[in-house]
Amino acid sequence: MSILHVPQVEVQVHNFDYHALQQQLTGQEWHEIGHVNWPAEYPYKPKVAFQIVHNGSSIVLHYAVEEDYVKAQYIRPNEAVWEDSCVEFFLSLDNKETYYNIEFNVLGTGLIGYGPGVKSERNRLTQEEIEQVSTATSVVQRSGAKKWNMIMVIPALVFNKQGDITLSGLRAFGNFYKCGDALPQPHFISWSPIGHPTPNFHLPAFFGELIFE
């Protein structure tokens, strides 16, 4: 099983600017999203890595993406952001019985769902709940390659479906993904590998362990 330690860092998020937040994450470990789980059908592998820390009240997640194409169509919460250039974070707080799927496209448009692995029993969070997550993005095109970075600040109160949580000392399970279902080069890559015959991120059995300091 993949294991990841999430350090506690005093990140100040009141001045919400990408570069100001990025500087506060300098020196934090980068983790690769590099597992091409379905290489026969979807061999494309963009360069993707992330940093993750918490400050006691929020999870701060920083994605760095380099890909050949960037698509940004969806602008409303809970639209089909997975069809765009999209990064995702799934988190289970109850030993994989239920989990949150947090999905944001390059524009910062978000979708968040919660429930068990059975799709018919999962529910979307409201627009007001989703908009509690703040995002800041930087996009650069150089020599034909598109590079974009996104920082998400996810308050712990977003994860309140089973009551309030404390991030410090939390033991959880989760996975991190990059996808783009409707891009010219569709792809479905993950941090923790997925042993399933067809593309599916909604498989908590393949989540890694997340240890919050």
N, C-alpha and C. Protein backbone atom coordinates (compact mmCIF):
# COMPACT_ATOMS: atom_id res chain seq x y z
N MET A 1 0.84 -1.20 0.00
CA MET A 1 0.00 0.00 0.00
C MET A 1 0.87 1.25 0.00
N SER A 2 0.50 2.22 -0.82
CA SER A 2 1.20 3.50 -0.82
C SER A 2 0.90 4.23 0.49
N ILE A 3 1.93 4.88 1.04
CA ILE A 3 1.79 5.63 2.30
C ILE A 3 2.34 7.03 2.10
N LEU A 4 1.64 8.01 2.62
CA LEU A 4 2.04 9.40 2.46
C LEU A 4 1.86 10.12 3.79
N HIS A 5 2.90 10.84 4.21
CA HIS A 5 2.83 11.65 5.42
C HIS A 5 2.48 13.09 5.04
N VAL A 6 1.53 13.65 5.75
CA VAL A 6 1.07 15.02 5.49
C VAL A 6 1.55 15.91 6.63
N PRO A 7 2.60 16.71 6.41
CA PRO A 7 3.13 17.51 7.51
C PRO A 7 2.22 18.67 7.88
N GLN A 8 2.33 19.09 9.14
CA GLN A 8 1.62 20.28 9.58
C GLN A 8 2.54 21.48 9.41
N VAL A 9 2.09 22.47 8.66
CA VAL A 9 2.89 23.65 8.33
C VAL A 9 2.01 24.88 8.57
N GLU A 10 2.59 25.92 9.11
CA GLU A 10 1.82 27.13 9.40
C GLU A 10 1.65 27.97 8.13
N VAL A 11 0.86 27.47 7.21
CA VAL A 11 0.57 28.19 5.97
C VAL A 11 -0.49 29.25 6.25
N GLN A 12 -0.19 30.48 5.88
CA GLN A 12 -1.15 31.57 6.03
C GLN A 12 -1.94 31.70 4.73
N VAL A 13 -3.25 31.59 4.82
CA VAL A 13 -4.07 31.57 3.61
C VAL A 13 -4.94 32.81 3.45
N HIS A 14 -4.79 33.79 4.32
CA HIS A 14 -5.64 34.98 4.23
C HIS A 14 -5.28 35.83 3.02
N ASN A 15 -3.99 35.87 2.64
CA ASN A 15 -3.57 36.58 1.43
C ASN A 15 -3.59 35.58 0.29
N PHE A 16 -4.76 35.45 -0.35
CA PHE A 16 -4.94 34.33 -1.28
C PHE A 16 -4.42 34.69 -2.67
N ASP A 17 -3.13 34.42 -2.84
CA ASP A 17 -2.45 34.67 -4.10
C ASP A 17 -1.59 33.45 -4.41
N TYR A 18 -1.61 32.99 -5.67
CA TYR A 18 -0.89 31.75 -6.00
C TYR A 18 0.57 31.84 -5.58
N HIS A 19 1.25 32.89 -5.97
CA HIS A 19 2.70 32.96 -5.72
C HIS A 19 3.01 33.10 -4.24
N ALA A 20 2.16 33.80 -3.50
CA ALA A 20 2.36 33.90 -2.06
C ALA A 20 2.20 32.55 -1.38
N LEU A 21 1.21 31.79 -1.81
CA LEU A 21 1.01 30.44 -1.25
C LEU A 21 2.13 29.51 -1.68
N GLN A 22 2.54 29.59 -2.94
CA GLN A 22 3.61 28.73 -3.44
C GLN A 22 4.89 28.92 -2.63
N GLN A 23 5.23 30.15 -2.31
CA GLN A 23 6.45 30.42 -1.55
C GLN A 23 6.40 29.75 -0.18
N GLN A 24 5.22 29.69 0.42
CA GLN A 24 5.10 29.06 1.73
C GLN A 24 5.27 27.55 1.67
N LEU A 25 5.14 26.98 0.48
CA LEU A 25 5.29 25.54 0.31
C LEU A 25 6.68 25.15 -0.17
N THR A 26 7.56 26.13 -0.34
CA THR A 26 8.93 25.84 -0.78
C THR A 26 9.60 24.87 0.18
N GLY A 27 10.20 23.83 -0.36
CA GLY A 27 10.89 22.84 0.45
C GLY A 27 10.03 21.66 0.85
N GLN A 28 8.73 21.74 0.65
CA GLN A 28 7.86 20.59 0.95
C GLN A 28 8.01 19.52 -0.13
N GLU A 29 7.84 18.28 0.25
CA GLU A 29 8.07 17.16 -0.66
C GLU A 29 7.06 17.14 -1.81
N TRP A 30 7.56 16.79 -2.99
CA TRP A 30 6.71 16.56 -4.15
C TRP A 30 6.45 15.06 -4.30
N HIS A 31 5.22 14.70 -4.66
CA HIS A 31 4.83 13.31 -4.88
C HIS A 31 4.33 13.18 -6.31
N GLU A 32 4.77 12.15 -7.00
CA GLU A 32 4.40 11.99 -8.41
C GLU A 32 3.05 11.30 -8.56
N ILE A 33 2.25 11.80 -9.46
CA ILE A 33 1.07 11.08 -9.94
C ILE A 33 1.50 10.43 -11.24
N GLY A 34 1.95 9.19 -11.16
CA GLY A 34 2.64 8.60 -12.29
C GLY A 34 2.20 7.23 -12.73
N HIS A 35 1.16 6.69 -12.09
CA HIS A 35 0.73 5.35 -12.47
C HIS A 35 -0.24 5.41 -13.65
N VAL A 36 0.20 4.87 -14.78
CA VAL A 36 -0.65 4.73 -15.96
C VAL A 36 -1.31 3.36 -15.83
N ASN A 37 -2.51 3.34 -15.32
CA ASN A 37 -3.14 2.08 -14.92
C ASN A 37 -3.73 1.28 -16.07
N TRP A 38 -3.99 1.93 -17.20
CA TRP A 38 -4.60 1.26 -18.35
C TRP A 38 -3.81 1.61 -19.62
N PRO A 39 -2.55 1.14 -19.69
CA PRO A 39 -1.64 1.59 -20.75
C PRO A 39 -2.05 1.16 -22.15
N ALA A 40 -2.75 0.06 -22.29
CA ALA A 40 -3.13 -0.40 -23.63
C ALA A 40 -4.10 0.57 -24.29
N GLU A 41 -5.08 1.03 -23.54
CA GLU A 41 -6.09 1.93 -24.10
C GLU A 41 -5.73 3.41 -23.91
N TYR A 42 -5.05 3.73 -22.79
CA TYR A 42 -4.79 5.12 -22.44
C TYR A 42 -3.33 5.28 -22.01
N PRO A 43 -2.41 5.27 -22.98
CA PRO A 43 -0.98 5.29 -22.64
C PRO A 43 -0.42 6.66 -22.29
N TYR A 44 -1.14 7.72 -22.62
CA TYR A 44 -0.57 9.07 -22.44
C TYR A 44 -0.33 9.36 -20.95
N LYS A 45 0.85 9.93 -20.68
CA LYS A 45 1.23 10.22 -19.30
C LYS A 45 1.73 11.66 -19.20
N PRO A 46 0.88 12.59 -18.83
CA PRO A 46 1.36 13.94 -18.56
C PRO A 46 2.25 13.94 -17.31
N LYS A 47 3.05 14.98 -17.18
CA LYS A 47 3.89 15.12 -16.00
C LYS A 47 3.08 15.80 -14.90
N VAL A 48 2.87 15.07 -13.81
CA VAL A 48 2.03 15.60 -12.73
C VAL A 48 2.65 15.25 -11.38
N ALA A 49 2.70 16.22 -10.50
CA ALA A 49 3.16 16.00 -9.13
C ALA A 49 2.35 16.90 -8.20
N PHE A 50 2.41 16.60 -6.91
CA PHE A 50 1.66 17.42 -5.95
C PHE A 50 2.42 17.52 -4.63
N GLN A 51 2.13 18.59 -3.93
CA GLN A 51 2.54 18.77 -2.54
C GLN A 51 1.26 18.81 -1.70
N ILE A 52 1.35 18.28 -0.49
CA ILE A 52 0.20 18.35 0.41
C ILE A 52 0.69 18.60 1.83
N VAL A 53 0.07 19.58 2.49
CA VAL A 53 0.32 19.88 3.89
C VAL A 53 -1.02 20.24 4.52
N HIS A 54 -1.01 20.43 5.83
CA HIS A 54 -2.18 21.00 6.49
C HIS A 54 -1.71 22.00 7.52
N ASN A 55 -2.57 22.93 7.88
CA ASN A 55 -2.21 23.95 8.87
C ASN A 55 -3.07 23.85 10.13
N GLY A 56 -3.68 22.67 10.30
CA GLY A 56 -4.54 22.46 11.46
C GLY A 56 -6.01 22.69 11.18
N SER A 57 -6.29 23.62 10.28
CA SER A 57 -7.69 23.92 9.96
C SER A 57 -8.05 23.64 8.51
N SER A 58 -7.05 23.53 7.64
CA SER A 58 -7.29 23.28 6.21
C SER A 58 -6.21 22.37 5.64
N ILE A 59 -6.58 21.65 4.59
CA ILE A 59 -5.62 20.92 3.78
C ILE A 59 -5.21 21.84 2.63
N VAL A 60 -3.91 21.95 2.41
CA VAL A 60 -3.38 22.77 1.32
C VAL A 60 -2.73 21.82 0.32
N LEU A 61 -3.25 21.83 -0.89
CA LEU A 61 -2.86 20.87 -1.92
C LEU A 61 -2.39 21.63 -3.15
N HIS A 62 -1.18 21.34 -3.60
CA HIS A 62 -0.55 22.06 -4.71
C HIS A 62 -0.24 21.07 -5.83
N TYR A 63 -0.89 21.24 -6.97
CA TYR A 63 -0.65 20.39 -8.14
C TYR A 63 0.21 21.13 -9.15
N ALA A 64 1.13 20.40 -9.78
CA ALA A 64 1.92 20.92 -10.90
C ALA A 64 1.71 19.97 -12.08
N VAL A 65 1.24 20.52 -13.21
CA VAL A 65 0.84 19.71 -14.36
C VAL A 65 1.53 20.23 -15.61
N GLU A 66 2.05 19.31 -16.42
CA GLU A 66 2.54 19.65 -17.75
C GLU A 66 1.92 18.66 -18.72
N GLU A 67 1.14 19.16 -19.68
CA GLU A 67 0.45 18.30 -20.63
C GLU A 67 0.38 18.97 -22.00
N ASP A 68 0.09 18.17 -23.01
CA ASP A 68 0.10 18.67 -24.38
C ASP A 68 -1.11 19.54 -24.70
N TYR A 69 -2.24 19.24 -24.06
CA TYR A 69 -3.47 19.97 -24.32
C TYR A 69 -4.11 20.38 -23.00
N VAL A 70 -4.70 21.56 -22.99
CA VAL A 70 -5.46 22.01 -21.82
C VAL A 70 -6.87 22.35 -22.28
N LYS A 71 -7.84 21.78 -21.59
CA LYS A 71 -9.25 22.03 -21.89
C LYS A 71 -9.93 22.59 -20.65
N ALA A 72 -10.69 23.66 -20.83
CA ALA A 72 -11.36 24.31 -19.71
C ALA A 72 -12.73 24.79 -20.17
N GLN A 73 -13.70 23.90 -20.09
CA GLN A 73 -15.05 24.21 -20.58
C GLN A 73 -16.03 24.52 -19.47
N TYR A 74 -15.94 23.78 -18.37
CA TYR A 74 -17.01 23.83 -17.37
C TYR A 74 -16.74 24.92 -16.33
N ILE A 75 -17.77 25.72 -16.05
CA ILE A 75 -17.62 26.89 -15.19
C ILE A 75 -18.55 26.88 -13.98
N ARG A 76 -19.43 25.89 -13.86
CA ARG A 76 -20.39 25.85 -12.76
C ARG A 76 -20.10 24.65 -11.85
N PRO A 77 -20.27 24.81 -10.54
CA PRO A 77 -20.04 23.71 -9.62
C PRO A 77 -20.86 22.47 -9.98
N ASN A 78 -20.24 21.32 -9.83
CA ASN A 78 -20.83 20.00 -10.07
C ASN A 78 -21.09 19.70 -11.54
N GLU A 79 -20.51 20.48 -12.46
CA GLU A 79 -20.55 20.09 -13.86
C GLU A 79 -19.47 19.04 -14.12
N ALA A 80 -19.38 18.58 -15.38
CA ALA A 80 -18.51 17.45 -15.73
C ALA A 80 -17.05 17.87 -15.86
N VAL A 81 -16.48 18.32 -14.75
CA VAL A 81 -15.11 18.84 -14.78
C VAL A 81 -14.08 17.78 -15.15
N TRP A 82 -14.41 16.49 -14.94
CA TRP A 82 -13.48 15.42 -15.28
C TRP A 82 -13.22 15.33 -16.79
N GLU A 83 -14.07 15.96 -17.59
CA GLU A 83 -13.83 15.98 -19.03
C GLU A 83 -12.81 17.04 -19.42
N ASP A 84 -12.58 18.00 -18.55
CA ASP A 84 -11.58 19.05 -18.77
C ASP A 84 -10.21 18.58 -18.26
N SER A 85 -9.22 19.47 -18.33
CA SER A 85 -7.95 19.23 -17.63
C SER A 85 -8.26 19.31 -16.14
N CYS A 86 -8.16 18.18 -15.47
CA CYS A 86 -8.75 18.03 -14.14
C CYS A 86 -7.79 17.31 -13.20
N VAL A 87 -7.71 17.81 -11.95
CA VAL A 87 -6.99 17.12 -10.89
C VAL A 87 -8.01 16.74 -9.81
N GLU A 88 -7.73 15.60 -9.14
CA GLU A 88 -8.71 15.06 -8.20
C GLU A 88 -8.02 14.55 -6.95
N PHE A 89 -8.75 14.62 -5.84
CA PHE A 89 -8.30 14.13 -4.54
C PHE A 89 -9.47 13.42 -3.89
N PHE A 90 -9.30 12.13 -3.61
CA PHE A 90 -10.33 11.34 -2.93
C PHE A 90 -9.85 11.06 -1.51
N LEU A 91 -10.72 11.20 -0.53
CA LEU A 91 -10.34 11.06 0.87
C LEU A 91 -11.40 10.29 1.64
N SER A 92 -10.96 9.23 2.35
CA SER A 92 -11.84 8.45 3.22
C SER A 92 -11.40 8.62 4.66
N LEU A 93 -12.36 8.92 5.52
CA LEU A 93 -12.08 9.14 6.94
C LEU A 93 -12.57 8.00 7.82
N ASP A 94 -13.16 6.98 7.22
CA ASP A 94 -13.77 5.89 8.00
C ASP A 94 -13.36 4.53 7.46
N ASN A 95 -12.05 4.39 7.20
CA ASN A 95 -11.50 3.10 6.77
C ASN A 95 -12.13 2.61 5.48
N LYS A 96 -12.37 3.54 4.55
CA LYS A 96 -12.81 3.26 3.19
C LYS A 96 -14.29 2.89 3.07
N GLU A 97 -15.05 3.09 4.15
CA GLU A 97 -16.49 2.82 4.05
C GLU A 97 -17.18 3.87 3.18
N THR A 98 -16.81 5.12 3.38
CA THR A 98 -17.29 6.22 2.55
C THR A 98 -16.08 7.08 2.19
N TYR A 99 -16.28 7.97 1.23
CA TYR A 99 -15.17 8.86 0.86
C TYR A 99 -15.72 10.10 0.16
N TYR A 100 -14.89 11.12 0.14
CA TYR A 100 -15.16 12.35 -0.60
C TYR A 100 -14.37 12.31 -1.90
N ASN A 101 -14.98 12.69 -3.01
CA ASN A 101 -14.25 12.89 -4.25
C ASN A 101 -14.26 14.38 -4.58
N ILE A 102 -13.07 14.95 -4.60
CA ILE A 102 -12.88 16.39 -4.83
C ILE A 102 -12.22 16.55 -6.18
N GLU A 103 -12.92 17.17 -7.12
CA GLU A 103 -12.46 17.24 -8.51
C GLU A 103 -12.53 18.70 -8.97
N PHE A 104 -11.40 19.22 -9.47
CA PHE A 104 -11.35 20.61 -9.93
C PHE A 104 -10.65 20.69 -11.28
N ASN A 105 -11.23 21.47 -12.18
CA ASN A 105 -10.56 21.69 -13.46
C ASN A 105 -9.61 22.88 -13.36
N VAL A 106 -8.92 23.16 -14.45
CA VAL A 106 -7.88 24.19 -14.45
C VAL A 106 -8.44 25.58 -14.15
N LEU A 107 -9.72 25.79 -14.37
CA LEU A 107 -10.35 27.07 -14.07
C LEU A 107 -10.66 27.25 -12.58
N GLY A 108 -10.55 26.15 -11.82
CA GLY A 108 -10.98 26.20 -10.43
C GLY A 108 -12.43 25.86 -10.23
N THR A 109 -13.09 25.34 -11.26
CA THR A 109 -14.46 24.86 -11.13
C THR A 109 -14.45 23.51 -10.42
N GLY A 110 -15.29 23.36 -9.40
CA GLY A 110 -15.22 22.17 -8.56
C GLY A 110 -16.44 21.30 -8.58
N LEU A 111 -16.21 20.04 -8.28
CA LEU A 111 -17.24 19.04 -8.04
C LEU A 111 -16.80 18.27 -6.81
N ILE A 112 -17.70 18.09 -5.86
CA ILE A 112 -17.40 17.29 -4.67
C ILE A 112 -18.58 16.36 -4.41
N GLY A 113 -18.27 15.08 -4.23
CA GLY A 113 -19.27 14.09 -3.89
C GLY A 113 -18.90 13.39 -2.59
N TYR A 114 -19.88 12.72 -1.99
CA TYR A 114 -19.65 11.98 -0.75
C TYR A 114 -20.58 10.78 -0.69
N GLY A 115 -20.06 9.68 -0.13
CA GLY A 115 -20.88 8.50 0.08
C GLY A 115 -20.05 7.24 -0.03
N PRO A 116 -20.70 6.09 -0.06
CA PRO A 116 -19.99 4.82 -0.23
C PRO A 116 -19.60 4.60 -1.69
N GLY A 117 -18.95 3.48 -1.94
CA GLY A 117 -18.50 3.19 -3.30
C GLY A 117 -19.63 2.92 -4.27
N VAL A 118 -20.82 2.63 -3.78
CA VAL A 118 -21.97 2.38 -4.65
C VAL A 118 -22.44 3.71 -5.23
N LYS A 119 -22.36 3.85 -6.56
CA LYS A 119 -22.62 5.14 -7.19
C LYS A 119 -24.01 5.68 -6.88
N SER A 120 -25.01 4.81 -6.84
CA SER A 120 -26.39 5.27 -6.63
C SER A 120 -26.60 5.83 -5.22
N GLU A 121 -25.68 5.55 -4.30
CA GLU A 121 -25.81 6.01 -2.92
C GLU A 121 -24.95 7.24 -2.63
N ARG A 122 -24.26 7.75 -3.65
CA ARG A 122 -23.41 8.92 -3.45
C ARG A 122 -24.19 10.20 -3.74
N ASN A 123 -23.81 11.27 -3.07
CA ASN A 123 -24.48 12.56 -3.24
C ASN A 123 -23.45 13.66 -3.49
N ARG A 124 -23.86 14.66 -4.25
CA ARG A 124 -23.01 15.83 -4.49
C ARG A 124 -23.19 16.84 -3.35
N LEU A 125 -22.12 17.51 -2.99
CA LEU A 125 -22.23 18.62 -2.06
C LEU A 125 -22.87 19.81 -2.78
N THR A 126 -23.38 20.75 -2.02
CA THR A 126 -24.05 21.91 -2.60
C THR A 126 -23.02 22.90 -3.16
N GLN A 127 -23.51 23.83 -3.95
CA GLN A 127 -22.63 24.87 -4.48
C GLN A 127 -21.97 25.64 -3.34
N GLU A 128 -22.73 25.95 -2.30
CA GLU A 128 -22.19 26.70 -1.17
C GLU A 128 -21.08 25.92 -0.47
N GLU A 129 -21.25 24.62 -0.34
CA GLU A 129 -20.22 23.80 0.30
C GLU A 129 -18.97 23.72 -0.57
N ILE A 130 -19.16 23.54 -1.87
CA ILE A 130 -18.02 23.44 -2.79
C ILE A 130 -17.23 24.74 -2.81
N GLU A 131 -17.93 25.86 -2.74
CA GLU A 131 -17.25 27.16 -2.82
C GLU A 131 -16.50 27.52 -1.55
N GLN A 132 -16.56 26.66 -0.54
CA GLN A 132 -15.69 26.84 0.62
C GLN A 132 -14.24 26.49 0.28
N VAL A 133 -14.03 25.73 -0.79
CA VAL A 133 -12.68 25.40 -1.26
C VAL A 133 -12.18 26.54 -2.12
N SER A 134 -11.05 27.12 -1.75
CA SER A 134 -10.44 28.21 -2.52
C SER A 134 -9.35 27.65 -3.42
N THR A 135 -9.23 28.20 -4.62
CA THR A 135 -8.20 27.75 -5.56
C THR A 135 -7.49 28.96 -6.16
N ALA A 136 -6.22 28.75 -6.49
CA ALA A 136 -5.43 29.75 -7.21
C ALA A 136 -4.62 29.00 -8.26
N THR A 137 -4.61 29.52 -9.48
CA THR A 137 -4.01 28.81 -10.61
C THR A 137 -3.02 29.70 -11.35
N SER A 138 -1.97 29.07 -11.86
CA SER A 138 -1.00 29.73 -12.74
C SER A 138 -0.87 28.88 -13.99
N VAL A 139 -0.95 29.51 -15.18
CA VAL A 139 -0.88 28.79 -16.46
C VAL A 139 0.20 29.42 -17.32
N VAL A 140 1.08 28.57 -17.89
CA VAL A 140 2.16 29.03 -18.75
C VAL A 140 2.23 28.12 -19.97
N GLN A 141 2.40 28.71 -21.15
CA GLN A 141 2.67 27.92 -22.35
C GLN A 141 4.08 28.24 -22.82
N ARG A 142 4.88 27.19 -23.03
CA ARG A 142 6.26 27.38 -23.45
C ARG A 142 6.66 26.24 -24.37
N SER A 143 7.15 26.57 -25.56
CA SER A 143 7.61 25.57 -26.53
C SER A 143 6.54 24.53 -26.82
N GLY A 144 5.30 24.95 -26.86
CA GLY A 144 4.20 24.04 -27.18
C GLY A 144 3.62 23.30 -26.01
N ALA A 145 4.36 23.22 -24.90
CA ALA A 145 3.87 22.51 -23.72
C ALA A 145 3.07 23.46 -22.84
N LYS A 146 2.00 22.97 -22.29
CA LYS A 146 1.18 23.75 -21.38
C LYS A 146 1.49 23.33 -19.95
N LYS A 147 1.89 24.29 -19.15
CA LYS A 147 2.18 24.01 -17.75
C LYS A 147 1.21 24.80 -16.88
N TRP A 148 0.55 24.10 -15.98
CA TRP A 148 -0.34 24.80 -15.06
C TRP A 148 -0.22 24.25 -13.66
N ASN A 149 -0.35 25.15 -12.72
CA ASN A 149 -0.28 24.79 -11.31
C ASN A 149 -1.56 25.26 -10.63
N MET A 150 -1.99 24.50 -9.66
CA MET A 150 -3.16 24.89 -8.88
C MET A 150 -2.92 24.61 -7.41
N ILE A 151 -3.25 25.57 -6.58
CA ILE A 151 -3.25 25.38 -5.13
C ILE A 151 -4.69 25.40 -4.65
N MET A 152 -5.08 24.34 -3.93
CA MET A 152 -6.40 24.26 -3.30
C MET A 152 -6.23 24.40 -1.80
N VAL A 153 -7.09 25.17 -1.19
CA VAL A 153 -7.18 25.22 0.26
C VAL A 153 -8.55 24.67 0.64
N ILE A 154 -8.54 23.50 1.28
CA ILE A 154 -9.76 22.76 1.58
C ILE A 154 -9.99 22.80 3.09
N PRO A 155 -10.92 23.60 3.58
CA PRO A 155 -11.17 23.65 5.03
C PRO A 155 -11.64 22.29 5.56
N ALA A 156 -11.22 21.97 6.77
CA ALA A 156 -11.64 20.71 7.37
C ALA A 156 -13.15 20.62 7.49
N LEU A 157 -13.82 21.76 7.61
CA LEU A 157 -15.28 21.74 7.77
C LEU A 157 -15.99 21.23 6.52
N VAL A 158 -15.30 21.15 5.39
CA VAL A 158 -15.90 20.53 4.20
C VAL A 158 -16.19 19.05 4.46
N PHE A 159 -15.35 18.42 5.30
CA PHE A 159 -15.48 16.99 5.57
C PHE A 159 -16.32 16.75 6.82
N ASN A 160 -17.56 17.21 6.81
CA ASN A 160 -18.37 17.21 8.03
C ASN A 160 -19.56 16.26 7.98
N LYS A 161 -19.59 15.36 7.02
CA LYS A 161 -20.76 14.50 6.87
C LYS A 161 -20.91 13.50 8.01
N GLN A 162 -19.81 13.27 8.74
CA GLN A 162 -19.89 12.39 9.91
C GLN A 162 -19.49 13.13 11.18
N GLY A 163 -19.63 14.44 11.16
CA GLY A 163 -19.24 15.26 12.29
C GLY A 163 -17.93 15.97 12.04
N ASP A 164 -17.57 16.86 12.94
CA ASP A 164 -16.35 17.63 12.78
C ASP A 164 -15.13 16.72 12.90
N ILE A 165 -14.06 17.08 12.19
CA ILE A 165 -12.83 16.30 12.24
C ILE A 165 -11.68 17.19 12.70
N THR A 166 -10.65 16.54 13.24
CA THR A 166 -9.40 17.21 13.59
C THR A 166 -8.32 16.68 12.67
N LEU A 167 -7.65 17.58 11.95
CA LEU A 167 -6.64 17.14 10.99
C LEU A 167 -5.38 16.63 11.68
N SER A 168 -4.95 17.28 12.74
CA SER A 168 -3.72 16.87 13.42
C SER A 168 -3.87 15.46 13.99
N GLY A 169 -2.97 14.57 13.58
CA GLY A 169 -3.01 13.19 14.05
C GLY A 169 -3.98 12.29 13.32
N LEU A 170 -4.62 12.80 12.28
CA LEU A 170 -5.62 12.03 11.55
C LEU A 170 -4.97 10.90 10.75
N ARG A 171 -5.59 9.74 10.76
CA ARG A 171 -5.21 8.62 9.90
C ARG A 171 -6.34 8.41 8.90
N ALA A 172 -6.03 8.48 7.63
CA ALA A 172 -7.06 8.41 6.60
C ALA A 172 -6.54 7.61 5.41
N PHE A 173 -7.39 7.48 4.40
CA PHE A 173 -7.01 6.81 3.16
C PHE A 173 -7.44 7.69 1.99
N GLY A 174 -6.70 7.60 0.89
CA GLY A 174 -7.07 8.42 -0.24
C GLY A 174 -6.22 8.15 -1.46
N ASN A 175 -6.50 8.90 -2.51
CA ASN A 175 -5.73 8.82 -3.74
C ASN A 175 -5.78 10.18 -4.43
N PHE A 176 -4.83 10.36 -5.34
CA PHE A 176 -4.69 11.61 -6.08
C PHE A 176 -4.63 11.27 -7.56
N TYR A 177 -5.32 12.06 -8.37
CA TYR A 177 -5.47 11.70 -9.78
C TYR A 177 -5.29 12.90 -10.70
N LYS A 178 -5.01 12.59 -11.96
CA LYS A 178 -5.09 13.55 -13.06
C LYS A 178 -5.83 12.88 -14.19
N CYS A 179 -6.82 13.58 -14.75
CA CYS A 179 -7.58 13.01 -15.85
C CYS A 179 -7.96 14.10 -16.83
N GLY A 180 -8.57 13.68 -17.90
CA GLY A 180 -9.07 14.57 -18.94
C GLY A 180 -9.81 13.73 -19.95
N ASP A 181 -11.02 13.34 -19.58
CA ASP A 181 -11.76 12.36 -20.38
C ASP A 181 -12.03 12.82 -21.80
N ALA A 182 -12.21 14.14 -21.99
CA ALA A 182 -12.59 14.65 -23.31
C ALA A 182 -11.44 15.39 -24.00
N LEU A 183 -10.23 15.18 -23.54
CA LEU A 183 -9.07 15.78 -24.19
C LEU A 183 -8.67 14.97 -25.43
N PRO A 184 -7.89 15.55 -26.35
CA PRO A 184 -7.42 14.78 -27.50
C PRO A 184 -6.61 13.54 -27.10
N GLN A 185 -5.98 13.61 -25.93
CA GLN A 185 -5.27 12.45 -25.37
C GLN A 185 -5.87 12.12 -24.00
N PRO A 186 -6.98 11.39 -23.97
CA PRO A 186 -7.59 11.06 -22.68
C PRO A 186 -6.61 10.29 -21.80
N HIS A 187 -6.67 10.53 -20.50
CA HIS A 187 -5.74 9.85 -19.59
C HIS A 187 -6.37 9.75 -18.21
N PHE A 188 -5.87 8.77 -17.46
CA PHE A 188 -6.42 8.47 -16.14
C PHE A 188 -5.26 7.96 -15.28
N ILE A 189 -4.48 8.87 -14.69
CA ILE A 189 -3.30 8.47 -13.94
C ILE A 189 -3.51 8.73 -12.45
N SER A 190 -2.76 8.01 -11.61
CA SER A 190 -2.99 8.07 -10.17
C SER A 190 -1.68 8.05 -9.40
N TRP A 191 -1.77 8.48 -8.14
CA TRP A 191 -0.64 8.37 -7.20
C TRP A 191 -0.50 6.93 -6.71
N SER A 192 -1.56 6.36 -6.19
CA SER A 192 -1.57 4.97 -5.75
C SER A 192 -2.13 4.12 -6.88
N PRO A 193 -1.46 3.01 -7.24
CA PRO A 193 -1.89 2.24 -8.41
C PRO A 193 -3.27 1.62 -8.23
N ILE A 194 -3.95 1.42 -9.36
CA ILE A 194 -5.31 0.86 -9.37
C ILE A 194 -5.29 -0.44 -10.16
N GLY A 195 -5.62 -1.53 -9.51
CA GLY A 195 -5.63 -2.84 -10.17
C GLY A 195 -7.03 -3.23 -10.60
N HIS A 196 -7.50 -2.57 -11.64
CA HIS A 196 -8.86 -2.82 -12.15
C HIS A 196 -8.80 -2.82 -13.66
N PRO A 197 -9.60 -3.65 -14.35
CA PRO A 197 -9.44 -3.78 -15.81
C PRO A 197 -9.84 -2.57 -16.63
N THR A 198 -10.70 -1.71 -16.10
CA THR A 198 -11.16 -0.55 -16.87
C THR A 198 -11.02 0.71 -16.02
N PRO A 199 -10.92 1.89 -16.64
CA PRO A 199 -10.73 3.12 -15.88
C PRO A 199 -11.84 3.36 -14.86
N ASN A 200 -11.42 3.52 -13.62
CA ASN A 200 -12.36 3.79 -12.53
C ASN A 200 -11.57 4.30 -11.34
N PHE A 201 -11.79 5.55 -10.96
CA PHE A 201 -11.13 6.11 -9.79
C PHE A 201 -11.90 5.82 -8.51
N HIS A 202 -13.15 5.41 -8.63
CA HIS A 202 -14.01 5.23 -7.46
C HIS A 202 -13.87 3.82 -6.89
N LEU A 203 -12.64 3.50 -6.50
CA LEU A 203 -12.32 2.17 -5.97
C LEU A 203 -11.49 2.34 -4.70
N PRO A 204 -12.13 2.55 -3.55
CA PRO A 204 -11.38 2.80 -2.32
C PRO A 204 -10.47 1.65 -1.91
N ALA A 205 -10.69 0.46 -2.44
CA ALA A 205 -9.79 -0.65 -2.12
C ALA A 205 -8.35 -0.35 -2.52
N PHE A 206 -8.17 0.56 -3.46
CA PHE A 206 -6.83 0.89 -3.95
C PHE A 206 -6.32 2.22 -3.40
N PHE A 207 -7.00 2.78 -2.42
CA PHE A 207 -6.51 4.01 -1.79
C PHE A 207 -5.23 3.72 -1.02
N GLY A 208 -4.35 4.71 -0.95
CA GLY A 208 -3.19 4.64 -0.08
C GLY A 208 -3.51 5.21 1.29
N GLU A 209 -2.55 5.07 2.20
CA GLU A 209 -2.74 5.58 3.56
C GLU A 209 -2.17 6.99 3.67
N LEU A 210 -2.92 7.87 4.31
CA LEU A 210 -2.51 9.25 4.53
C LEU A 210 -2.39 9.49 6.03
N ILE A 211 -1.20 9.87 6.47
CA ILE A 211 -0.92 10.08 7.89
C ILE A 211 -0.67 11.56 8.12
N PHE A 212 -1.60 12.22 8.79
CA PHE A 212 -1.51 13.65 9.06
C PHE A 212 -0.74 13.88 10.36
N GLU A 213 0.30 14.64 10.27
CA GLU A 213 1.12 14.92 11.46
C GLU A 213 0.47 15.99 12.34
